[in-house]
Amino acid sequence: MNYTKTALWSREVTTTSLVDLGIIVALYILPGLTHVLPIPLYMVDPMRLLLFLTLLTTHRMNSIVLAATIPFLSTLFSGHPVFPKNILIASELSLNVVLFHWILSKKDSLLLAGTVSILCAKVFYYLLKFGFISIGLLGGALVSTAFTYQLIPLVILPIMLIGVDRLIRSKSY
């Protein structure tokens, strides 16, 4: 009985729960912010941004579950993205998390793990999207967001990981 109480109120469970709640709240308000802000928020890849916040603050399985569900929660709250694109984005984000942790286990570099995992996940996304377009599950252009906008998360997110990691380490006892 005491073990259950300890496990339910551990620091890890509390942190994970708060991060997950923050992501759900962010997904709920992001569509409204998109209409208020002067920049198109979707172009800075908010789903990946939210996911990258979990990479250092929660455990790997939580990040994978969030990667697989964030696109579906976004659709539930805002009606976007459409279902076939949910599969694309969930697959891309899930691969991003798995690759990030795999690269980090081989080479202890947040910058390398973040950058390479994003690049590989993007290539996977476009290959899968090409397949979806080819069989008629999706319409439109293969590349709908300019590559210059796709470079923003590629540069910002790995640097953000390093900053968050340093902040966490400075607050550790």
N, C-alpha and C. Protein backbone atom coordinates (compact mmCIF):
# COMPACT_ATOMS: atom_id res chain seq x y z
N MET A 1 0.82 -1.20 0.00
CA MET A 1 0.00 0.00 0.00
C MET A 1 0.87 1.26 0.00
N ASN A 2 1.87 1.28 0.83
CA ASN A 2 2.75 2.43 0.89
C ASN A 2 3.50 2.64 -0.43
N TYR A 3 3.86 1.53 -1.11
CA TYR A 3 4.55 1.62 -2.39
C TYR A 3 3.69 2.34 -3.42
N THR A 4 2.41 2.01 -3.47
CA THR A 4 1.49 2.64 -4.41
C THR A 4 1.39 4.14 -4.14
N LYS A 5 1.27 4.51 -2.90
CA LYS A 5 1.18 5.92 -2.55
C LYS A 5 2.44 6.66 -2.97
N THR A 6 3.59 6.06 -2.73
CA THR A 6 4.85 6.67 -3.11
C THR A 6 4.95 6.79 -4.63
N ALA A 7 4.58 5.73 -5.34
CA ALA A 7 4.68 5.74 -6.80
C ALA A 7 3.73 6.76 -7.42
N LEU A 8 2.53 6.89 -6.87
CA LEU A 8 1.56 7.83 -7.42
C LEU A 8 1.96 9.28 -7.21
N TRP A 9 2.67 9.56 -6.16
CA TRP A 9 3.04 10.95 -5.85
C TRP A 9 4.52 11.22 -6.04
N SER A 10 5.18 10.43 -6.84
CA SER A 10 6.60 10.65 -7.06
C SER A 10 6.80 11.91 -7.90
N ARG A 11 8.00 12.42 -7.86
CA ARG A 11 8.34 13.63 -8.63
C ARG A 11 8.17 13.39 -10.13
N GLU A 12 8.56 12.19 -10.60
CA GLU A 12 8.44 11.85 -12.01
C GLU A 12 6.99 11.84 -12.47
N VAL A 13 6.12 11.24 -11.68
CA VAL A 13 4.70 11.19 -12.04
C VAL A 13 4.11 12.60 -12.04
N THR A 14 4.46 13.40 -11.06
CA THR A 14 3.96 14.76 -10.98
C THR A 14 4.44 15.59 -12.17
N THR A 15 5.72 15.50 -12.48
CA THR A 15 6.28 16.24 -13.61
C THR A 15 5.61 15.82 -14.91
N THR A 16 5.51 14.51 -15.13
CA THR A 16 4.89 14.00 -16.35
C THR A 16 3.45 14.48 -16.47
N SER A 17 2.71 14.41 -15.39
CA SER A 17 1.31 14.83 -15.41
C SER A 17 1.17 16.32 -15.72
N LEU A 18 2.02 17.13 -15.11
CA LEU A 18 1.96 18.58 -15.36
C LEU A 18 2.35 18.92 -16.79
N VAL A 19 3.38 18.27 -17.32
CA VAL A 19 3.80 18.51 -18.70
C VAL A 19 2.68 18.09 -19.66
N ASP A 20 2.11 16.91 -19.43
CA ASP A 20 1.02 16.42 -20.29
C ASP A 20 -0.19 17.36 -20.24
N LEU A 21 -0.54 17.81 -19.06
CA LEU A 21 -1.66 18.75 -18.93
C LEU A 21 -1.36 20.05 -19.66
N GLY A 22 -0.13 20.53 -19.53
CA GLY A 22 0.28 21.74 -20.25
C GLY A 22 0.17 21.59 -21.75
N ILE A 23 0.53 20.42 -22.25
CA ILE A 23 0.44 20.17 -23.69
C ILE A 23 -1.02 20.14 -24.13
N ILE A 24 -1.87 19.51 -23.37
CA ILE A 24 -3.29 19.46 -23.72
C ILE A 24 -3.89 20.86 -23.72
N VAL A 25 -3.54 21.66 -22.72
CA VAL A 25 -4.03 23.04 -22.67
C VAL A 25 -3.49 23.84 -23.87
N ALA A 26 -2.22 23.65 -24.17
CA ALA A 26 -1.63 24.36 -25.33
C ALA A 26 -2.33 23.97 -26.62
N LEU A 27 -2.62 22.69 -26.79
CA LEU A 27 -3.33 22.24 -27.99
C LEU A 27 -4.72 22.87 -28.08
N TYR A 28 -5.31 23.09 -26.93
CA TYR A 28 -6.64 23.68 -26.88
C TYR A 28 -6.62 25.15 -27.28
N ILE A 29 -5.57 25.89 -26.86
CA ILE A 29 -5.54 27.33 -27.13
C ILE A 29 -4.77 27.72 -28.39
N LEU A 30 -3.94 26.81 -28.93
CA LEU A 30 -3.15 27.14 -30.12
C LEU A 30 -3.98 27.59 -31.32
N PRO A 31 -5.10 26.94 -31.62
CA PRO A 31 -5.89 27.41 -32.77
C PRO A 31 -6.34 28.87 -32.61
N GLY A 32 -6.72 29.27 -31.41
CA GLY A 32 -7.11 30.65 -31.17
C GLY A 32 -5.94 31.61 -31.30
N LEU A 33 -4.79 31.19 -30.82
CA LEU A 33 -3.59 32.03 -30.92
C LEU A 33 -3.18 32.24 -32.38
N THR A 34 -3.42 31.23 -33.20
CA THR A 34 -3.07 31.33 -34.62
C THR A 34 -3.77 32.50 -35.28
N HIS A 35 -5.00 32.77 -34.85
CA HIS A 35 -5.76 33.87 -35.46
C HIS A 35 -5.38 35.23 -34.88
N VAL A 36 -4.80 35.26 -33.70
CA VAL A 36 -4.46 36.51 -33.03
C VAL A 36 -3.03 36.97 -33.36
N LEU A 37 -2.11 36.03 -33.45
CA LEU A 37 -0.70 36.37 -33.67
C LEU A 37 -0.44 36.79 -35.11
N PRO A 38 0.54 37.66 -35.31
CA PRO A 38 0.83 38.14 -36.66
C PRO A 38 1.58 37.11 -37.53
N ILE A 39 2.11 36.05 -36.90
CA ILE A 39 2.82 35.03 -37.69
C ILE A 39 1.96 33.77 -37.76
N PRO A 40 2.05 33.04 -38.87
CA PRO A 40 1.32 31.77 -38.94
C PRO A 40 2.00 30.74 -38.03
N LEU A 41 1.39 30.46 -36.91
CA LEU A 41 1.98 29.63 -35.87
C LEU A 41 2.30 28.21 -36.35
N TYR A 42 1.49 27.67 -37.25
CA TYR A 42 1.73 26.31 -37.71
C TYR A 42 3.08 26.17 -38.42
N MET A 43 3.62 27.26 -38.89
CA MET A 43 4.88 27.19 -39.62
C MET A 43 6.09 26.99 -38.71
N VAL A 44 5.92 27.17 -37.41
CA VAL A 44 7.03 26.91 -36.48
C VAL A 44 6.87 25.55 -35.82
N ASP A 45 5.99 24.71 -36.36
CA ASP A 45 5.84 23.32 -35.94
C ASP A 45 5.51 23.19 -34.45
N PRO A 46 4.35 23.72 -34.02
CA PRO A 46 4.03 23.71 -32.60
C PRO A 46 3.90 22.31 -32.00
N MET A 47 3.44 21.33 -32.78
CA MET A 47 3.33 19.97 -32.23
C MET A 47 4.70 19.43 -31.86
N ARG A 48 5.68 19.64 -32.74
CA ARG A 48 7.04 19.15 -32.45
C ARG A 48 7.64 19.95 -31.29
N LEU A 49 7.36 21.23 -31.23
CA LEU A 49 7.85 22.05 -30.12
C LEU A 49 7.33 21.50 -28.79
N LEU A 50 6.03 21.23 -28.73
CA LEU A 50 5.44 20.68 -27.51
C LEU A 50 6.05 19.32 -27.18
N LEU A 51 6.25 18.52 -28.20
CA LEU A 51 6.82 17.19 -28.00
C LEU A 51 8.26 17.28 -27.49
N PHE A 52 9.04 18.19 -28.03
CA PHE A 52 10.44 18.32 -27.61
C PHE A 52 10.54 18.76 -26.15
N LEU A 53 9.53 19.46 -25.66
CA LEU A 53 9.54 19.83 -24.24
C LEU A 53 9.46 18.59 -23.35
N THR A 54 8.87 17.51 -23.87
CA THR A 54 8.74 16.28 -23.07
C THR A 54 10.01 15.44 -23.08
N LEU A 55 10.87 15.65 -24.06
CA LEU A 55 12.03 14.76 -24.22
C LEU A 55 12.97 14.79 -23.02
N LEU A 56 13.07 15.92 -22.37
CA LEU A 56 13.96 16.02 -21.21
C LEU A 56 13.21 16.05 -19.88
N THR A 57 11.92 16.32 -19.93
CA THR A 57 11.19 16.48 -18.68
C THR A 57 10.35 15.27 -18.29
N THR A 58 10.14 14.34 -19.23
CA THR A 58 9.37 13.13 -18.90
C THR A 58 10.13 11.92 -19.45
N HIS A 59 9.56 10.75 -19.27
CA HIS A 59 10.23 9.54 -19.73
C HIS A 59 9.89 9.24 -21.19
N ARG A 60 10.68 8.36 -21.78
CA ARG A 60 10.58 8.07 -23.22
C ARG A 60 9.19 7.58 -23.62
N MET A 61 8.59 6.69 -22.86
CA MET A 61 7.29 6.14 -23.24
C MET A 61 6.23 7.25 -23.26
N ASN A 62 6.29 8.17 -22.34
CA ASN A 62 5.35 9.28 -22.34
C ASN A 62 5.50 10.11 -23.62
N SER A 63 6.75 10.36 -24.02
CA SER A 63 6.99 11.13 -25.25
C SER A 63 6.45 10.39 -26.47
N ILE A 64 6.60 9.08 -26.51
CA ILE A 64 6.10 8.29 -27.63
C ILE A 64 4.57 8.33 -27.67
N VAL A 65 3.95 8.16 -26.52
CA VAL A 65 2.48 8.21 -26.46
C VAL A 65 1.98 9.58 -26.90
N LEU A 66 2.62 10.63 -26.43
CA LEU A 66 2.23 11.98 -26.84
C LEU A 66 2.45 12.20 -28.34
N ALA A 67 3.57 11.70 -28.86
CA ALA A 67 3.84 11.84 -30.29
C ALA A 67 2.74 11.19 -31.12
N ALA A 68 2.27 10.06 -30.67
CA ALA A 68 1.23 9.34 -31.41
C ALA A 68 -0.15 9.97 -31.25
N THR A 69 -0.35 10.72 -30.17
CA THR A 69 -1.71 11.25 -29.91
C THR A 69 -1.88 12.75 -30.11
N ILE A 70 -0.80 13.52 -30.09
CA ILE A 70 -0.92 14.98 -30.23
C ILE A 70 -1.70 15.37 -31.49
N PRO A 71 -1.42 14.77 -32.67
CA PRO A 71 -2.19 15.17 -33.86
C PRO A 71 -3.69 14.88 -33.72
N PHE A 72 -4.03 13.78 -33.08
CA PHE A 72 -5.44 13.43 -32.91
C PHE A 72 -6.12 14.37 -31.91
N LEU A 73 -5.41 14.74 -30.85
CA LEU A 73 -5.96 15.72 -29.89
C LEU A 73 -6.13 17.08 -30.57
N SER A 74 -5.19 17.44 -31.42
CA SER A 74 -5.30 18.70 -32.14
C SER A 74 -6.55 18.71 -33.02
N THR A 75 -6.82 17.61 -33.69
CA THR A 75 -8.03 17.51 -34.51
C THR A 75 -9.27 17.59 -33.64
N LEU A 76 -9.24 16.95 -32.50
CA LEU A 76 -10.38 16.98 -31.58
C LEU A 76 -10.68 18.41 -31.13
N PHE A 77 -9.64 19.19 -30.85
CA PHE A 77 -9.83 20.56 -30.35
C PHE A 77 -10.06 21.59 -31.46
N SER A 78 -9.44 21.36 -32.64
CA SER A 78 -9.48 22.42 -33.64
C SER A 78 -9.99 21.99 -35.02
N GLY A 79 -10.15 20.70 -35.23
CA GLY A 79 -10.57 20.23 -36.55
C GLY A 79 -9.43 20.13 -37.55
N HIS A 80 -8.22 20.36 -37.11
CA HIS A 80 -7.06 20.28 -38.00
C HIS A 80 -5.95 19.53 -37.29
N PRO A 81 -5.23 18.68 -37.94
CA PRO A 81 -5.23 18.29 -39.35
C PRO A 81 -6.30 17.23 -39.66
N VAL A 82 -6.51 17.01 -40.94
CA VAL A 82 -7.47 16.00 -41.39
C VAL A 82 -6.91 14.61 -41.07
N PHE A 83 -7.80 13.61 -41.07
CA PHE A 83 -7.40 12.28 -40.59
C PHE A 83 -6.17 11.68 -41.28
N PRO A 84 -6.09 11.62 -42.61
CA PRO A 84 -4.88 11.02 -43.18
C PRO A 84 -3.59 11.75 -42.76
N LYS A 85 -3.70 13.06 -42.60
CA LYS A 85 -2.53 13.83 -42.18
C LYS A 85 -2.19 13.54 -40.71
N ASN A 86 -3.21 13.20 -39.90
CA ASN A 86 -2.95 12.77 -38.52
C ASN A 86 -2.00 11.58 -38.49
N ILE A 87 -2.26 10.63 -39.37
CA ILE A 87 -1.41 9.44 -39.43
C ILE A 87 0.02 9.83 -39.81
N LEU A 88 0.14 10.71 -40.79
CA LEU A 88 1.47 11.17 -41.21
C LEU A 88 2.22 11.84 -40.06
N ILE A 89 1.55 12.78 -39.42
CA ILE A 89 2.21 13.55 -38.36
C ILE A 89 2.51 12.68 -37.15
N ALA A 90 1.56 11.83 -36.76
CA ALA A 90 1.79 10.94 -35.61
C ALA A 90 2.96 10.01 -35.89
N SER A 91 3.05 9.49 -37.11
CA SER A 91 4.16 8.61 -37.49
C SER A 91 5.48 9.37 -37.46
N GLU A 92 5.47 10.57 -38.02
CA GLU A 92 6.68 11.39 -38.05
C GLU A 92 7.16 11.73 -36.64
N LEU A 93 6.25 12.19 -35.79
CA LEU A 93 6.63 12.57 -34.43
C LEU A 93 7.10 11.37 -33.62
N SER A 94 6.42 10.24 -33.80
CA SER A 94 6.83 9.03 -33.08
C SER A 94 8.23 8.59 -33.49
N LEU A 95 8.48 8.60 -34.79
CA LEU A 95 9.83 8.26 -35.28
C LEU A 95 10.85 9.26 -34.75
N ASN A 96 10.48 10.52 -34.70
CA ASN A 96 11.37 11.56 -34.18
C ASN A 96 11.81 11.23 -32.75
N VAL A 97 10.84 10.84 -31.90
CA VAL A 97 11.15 10.52 -30.50
C VAL A 97 12.04 9.29 -30.40
N VAL A 98 11.68 8.24 -31.14
CA VAL A 98 12.46 6.99 -31.09
C VAL A 98 13.89 7.24 -31.57
N LEU A 99 14.03 7.93 -32.69
CA LEU A 99 15.37 8.23 -33.21
C LEU A 99 16.16 9.12 -32.25
N PHE A 100 15.49 10.11 -31.67
CA PHE A 100 16.16 11.00 -30.72
C PHE A 100 16.78 10.18 -29.59
N HIS A 101 15.99 9.31 -28.98
CA HIS A 101 16.50 8.52 -27.85
C HIS A 101 17.57 7.52 -28.30
N TRP A 102 17.41 6.95 -29.48
CA TRP A 102 18.40 6.00 -29.99
C TRP A 102 19.73 6.71 -30.25
N ILE A 103 19.68 7.84 -30.93
CA ILE A 103 20.92 8.59 -31.23
C ILE A 103 21.57 9.07 -29.94
N LEU A 104 20.75 9.54 -29.01
CA LEU A 104 21.29 10.02 -27.74
C LEU A 104 21.97 8.88 -26.97
N SER A 105 21.45 7.66 -27.08
CA SER A 105 22.07 6.52 -26.39
C SER A 105 23.40 6.14 -27.02
N LYS A 106 23.57 6.44 -28.31
CA LYS A 106 24.81 6.11 -29.01
C LYS A 106 25.85 7.21 -28.91
N LYS A 107 25.37 8.44 -28.96
CA LYS A 107 26.25 9.61 -28.95
C LYS A 107 25.62 10.63 -28.01
N ASP A 108 26.27 10.93 -26.92
CA ASP A 108 25.69 11.81 -25.91
C ASP A 108 25.74 13.27 -26.35
N SER A 109 24.91 13.60 -27.34
CA SER A 109 24.86 14.96 -27.86
C SER A 109 23.41 15.33 -28.16
N LEU A 110 22.87 16.25 -27.38
CA LEU A 110 21.50 16.70 -27.61
C LEU A 110 21.36 17.38 -28.96
N LEU A 111 22.36 18.15 -29.34
CA LEU A 111 22.32 18.85 -30.62
C LEU A 111 22.26 17.86 -31.78
N LEU A 112 23.13 16.86 -31.74
CA LEU A 112 23.15 15.84 -32.79
C LEU A 112 21.85 15.04 -32.79
N ALA A 113 21.43 14.57 -31.63
CA ALA A 113 20.21 13.76 -31.54
C ALA A 113 18.99 14.55 -32.01
N GLY A 114 18.90 15.81 -31.60
CA GLY A 114 17.77 16.63 -32.01
C GLY A 114 17.76 16.91 -33.50
N THR A 115 18.88 17.32 -34.03
CA THR A 115 18.97 17.69 -35.45
C THR A 115 18.77 16.48 -36.37
N VAL A 116 19.49 15.41 -36.11
CA VAL A 116 19.41 14.23 -36.99
C VAL A 116 18.03 13.58 -36.89
N SER A 117 17.46 13.53 -35.69
CA SER A 117 16.14 12.90 -35.56
C SER A 117 15.07 13.71 -36.28
N ILE A 118 15.17 15.03 -36.26
CA ILE A 118 14.22 15.86 -37.00
C ILE A 118 14.38 15.65 -38.50
N LEU A 119 15.62 15.67 -38.97
CA LEU A 119 15.87 15.49 -40.41
C LEU A 119 15.36 14.14 -40.90
N CYS A 120 15.68 13.08 -40.18
CA CYS A 120 15.24 11.74 -40.59
C CYS A 120 13.71 11.63 -40.54
N ALA A 121 13.10 12.19 -39.51
CA ALA A 121 11.64 12.14 -39.40
C ALA A 121 10.98 12.93 -40.54
N LYS A 122 11.58 14.05 -40.93
CA LYS A 122 11.04 14.85 -42.05
C LYS A 122 11.13 14.08 -43.36
N VAL A 123 12.25 13.42 -43.60
CA VAL A 123 12.40 12.61 -44.82
C VAL A 123 11.35 11.51 -44.82
N PHE A 124 11.18 10.84 -43.70
CA PHE A 124 10.15 9.80 -43.57
C PHE A 124 8.76 10.37 -43.85
N TYR A 125 8.47 11.54 -43.28
CA TYR A 125 7.18 12.19 -43.48
C TYR A 125 6.90 12.41 -44.97
N TYR A 126 7.88 12.95 -45.67
CA TYR A 126 7.66 13.24 -47.09
C TYR A 126 7.57 11.98 -47.95
N LEU A 127 8.29 10.94 -47.59
CA LEU A 127 8.14 9.67 -48.30
C LEU A 127 6.75 9.10 -48.08
N LEU A 128 6.28 9.13 -46.83
CA LEU A 128 4.95 8.64 -46.51
C LEU A 128 3.87 9.51 -47.16
N LYS A 129 4.08 10.82 -47.14
CA LYS A 129 3.11 11.73 -47.76
C LYS A 129 3.04 11.49 -49.27
N PHE A 130 4.19 11.26 -49.90
CA PHE A 130 4.20 10.93 -51.32
C PHE A 130 3.37 9.68 -51.59
N GLY A 131 3.53 8.69 -50.74
CA GLY A 131 2.73 7.47 -50.86
C GLY A 131 1.25 7.73 -50.70
N PHE A 132 0.88 8.55 -49.72
CA PHE A 132 -0.53 8.89 -49.49
C PHE A 132 -1.11 9.64 -50.68
N ILE A 133 -0.35 10.57 -51.25
CA ILE A 133 -0.81 11.32 -52.42
C ILE A 133 -0.95 10.37 -53.61
N SER A 134 0.02 9.47 -53.77
CA SER A 134 0.01 8.53 -54.90
C SER A 134 -1.21 7.61 -54.89
N ILE A 135 -1.64 7.20 -53.71
CA ILE A 135 -2.80 6.29 -53.65
C ILE A 135 -4.11 7.03 -53.41
N GLY A 136 -4.06 8.36 -53.37
CA GLY A 136 -5.27 9.17 -53.29
C GLY A 136 -5.81 9.44 -51.90
N LEU A 137 -5.04 9.14 -50.86
CA LEU A 137 -5.51 9.44 -49.51
C LEU A 137 -5.39 10.92 -49.17
N LEU A 138 -4.47 11.60 -49.84
CA LEU A 138 -4.28 13.03 -49.65
C LEU A 138 -4.21 13.71 -51.01
N GLY A 139 -4.64 14.94 -51.05
CA GLY A 139 -4.51 15.74 -52.25
C GLY A 139 -3.53 16.86 -52.01
N GLY A 140 -3.30 17.65 -53.01
CA GLY A 140 -2.44 18.82 -52.86
C GLY A 140 -0.99 18.52 -53.18
N ALA A 141 -0.17 19.53 -52.89
CA ALA A 141 1.26 19.45 -53.19
C ALA A 141 2.00 18.61 -52.15
N LEU A 142 3.09 18.01 -52.59
CA LEU A 142 3.92 17.24 -51.67
C LEU A 142 4.50 18.15 -50.59
N VAL A 143 4.99 19.32 -50.98
CA VAL A 143 5.55 20.28 -50.03
C VAL A 143 4.62 21.48 -49.98
N SER A 144 3.92 21.63 -48.84
CA SER A 144 2.98 22.74 -48.72
C SER A 144 3.50 23.85 -47.82
N THR A 145 4.53 23.58 -47.03
CA THR A 145 5.17 24.58 -46.20
C THR A 145 6.58 24.78 -46.73
N ALA A 146 6.93 26.03 -46.99
CA ALA A 146 8.24 26.33 -47.56
C ALA A 146 9.36 25.75 -46.70
N PHE A 147 10.42 25.28 -47.35
CA PHE A 147 11.54 24.68 -46.62
C PHE A 147 12.18 25.67 -45.65
N THR A 148 12.15 26.95 -45.98
CA THR A 148 12.73 27.93 -45.06
C THR A 148 12.01 27.91 -43.72
N TYR A 149 10.69 27.74 -43.74
CA TYR A 149 9.94 27.65 -42.48
C TYR A 149 10.21 26.34 -41.77
N GLN A 150 10.51 25.30 -42.53
CA GLN A 150 10.79 24.00 -41.91
C GLN A 150 12.18 23.98 -41.27
N LEU A 151 13.03 24.91 -41.67
CA LEU A 151 14.35 25.01 -41.05
C LEU A 151 14.29 25.63 -39.66
N ILE A 152 13.25 26.41 -39.40
CA ILE A 152 13.13 27.08 -38.09
C ILE A 152 13.15 26.06 -36.96
N PRO A 153 12.26 25.04 -36.97
CA PRO A 153 12.32 24.06 -35.88
C PRO A 153 13.62 23.26 -35.88
N LEU A 154 14.18 23.03 -37.04
CA LEU A 154 15.42 22.27 -37.14
C LEU A 154 16.56 22.98 -36.40
N VAL A 155 16.53 24.29 -36.40
CA VAL A 155 17.57 25.08 -35.72
C VAL A 155 17.17 25.35 -34.27
N ILE A 156 15.94 25.76 -34.05
CA ILE A 156 15.51 26.19 -32.72
C ILE A 156 15.37 25.04 -31.73
N LEU A 157 14.76 23.92 -32.14
CA LEU A 157 14.45 22.86 -31.19
C LEU A 157 15.68 22.19 -30.57
N PRO A 158 16.70 21.83 -31.35
CA PRO A 158 17.89 21.26 -30.68
C PRO A 158 18.56 22.25 -29.72
N ILE A 159 18.58 23.52 -30.08
CA ILE A 159 19.16 24.53 -29.18
C ILE A 159 18.29 24.67 -27.93
N MET A 160 16.96 24.62 -28.11
CA MET A 160 16.05 24.67 -26.97
C MET A 160 16.30 23.48 -26.04
N LEU A 161 16.54 22.29 -26.61
CA LEU A 161 16.83 21.12 -25.79
C LEU A 161 18.05 21.35 -24.91
N ILE A 162 19.07 21.91 -25.49
CA ILE A 162 20.30 22.17 -24.74
C ILE A 162 20.02 23.16 -23.62
N GLY A 163 19.25 24.21 -23.91
CA GLY A 163 18.90 25.20 -22.89
C GLY A 163 18.09 24.61 -21.76
N VAL A 164 17.09 23.81 -22.10
CA VAL A 164 16.25 23.17 -21.08
C VAL A 164 17.09 22.20 -20.25
N ASP A 165 17.97 21.45 -20.91
CA ASP A 165 18.84 20.51 -20.20
C ASP A 165 19.73 21.24 -19.21
N ARG A 166 20.31 22.34 -19.62
CA ARG A 166 21.17 23.13 -18.71
C ARG A 166 20.37 23.70 -17.54
N LEU A 167 19.14 24.14 -17.83
CA LEU A 167 18.29 24.66 -16.76
C LEU A 167 17.96 23.57 -15.75
N ILE A 168 17.61 22.38 -16.25
CA ILE A 168 17.29 21.27 -15.37
C ILE A 168 18.51 20.87 -14.53
N ARG A 169 19.66 20.79 -15.17
CA ARG A 169 20.89 20.41 -14.45
C ARG A 169 21.28 21.45 -13.41
N SER A 170 21.03 22.73 -13.68
CA SER A 170 21.39 23.77 -12.71
C SER A 170 20.46 23.74 -11.49
N LYS A 171 19.26 23.22 -11.67
CA LYS A 171 18.30 23.15 -10.56
C LYS A 171 18.37 21.82 -9.82
N SER A 172 19.18 20.87 -10.34
CA SER A 172 19.32 19.57 -9.68
C SER A 172 20.11 19.72 -8.40
N TYR A 173 19.81 18.84 -7.48
CA TYR A 173 20.48 18.90 -6.17
C TYR A 173 21.72 18.07 -6.19
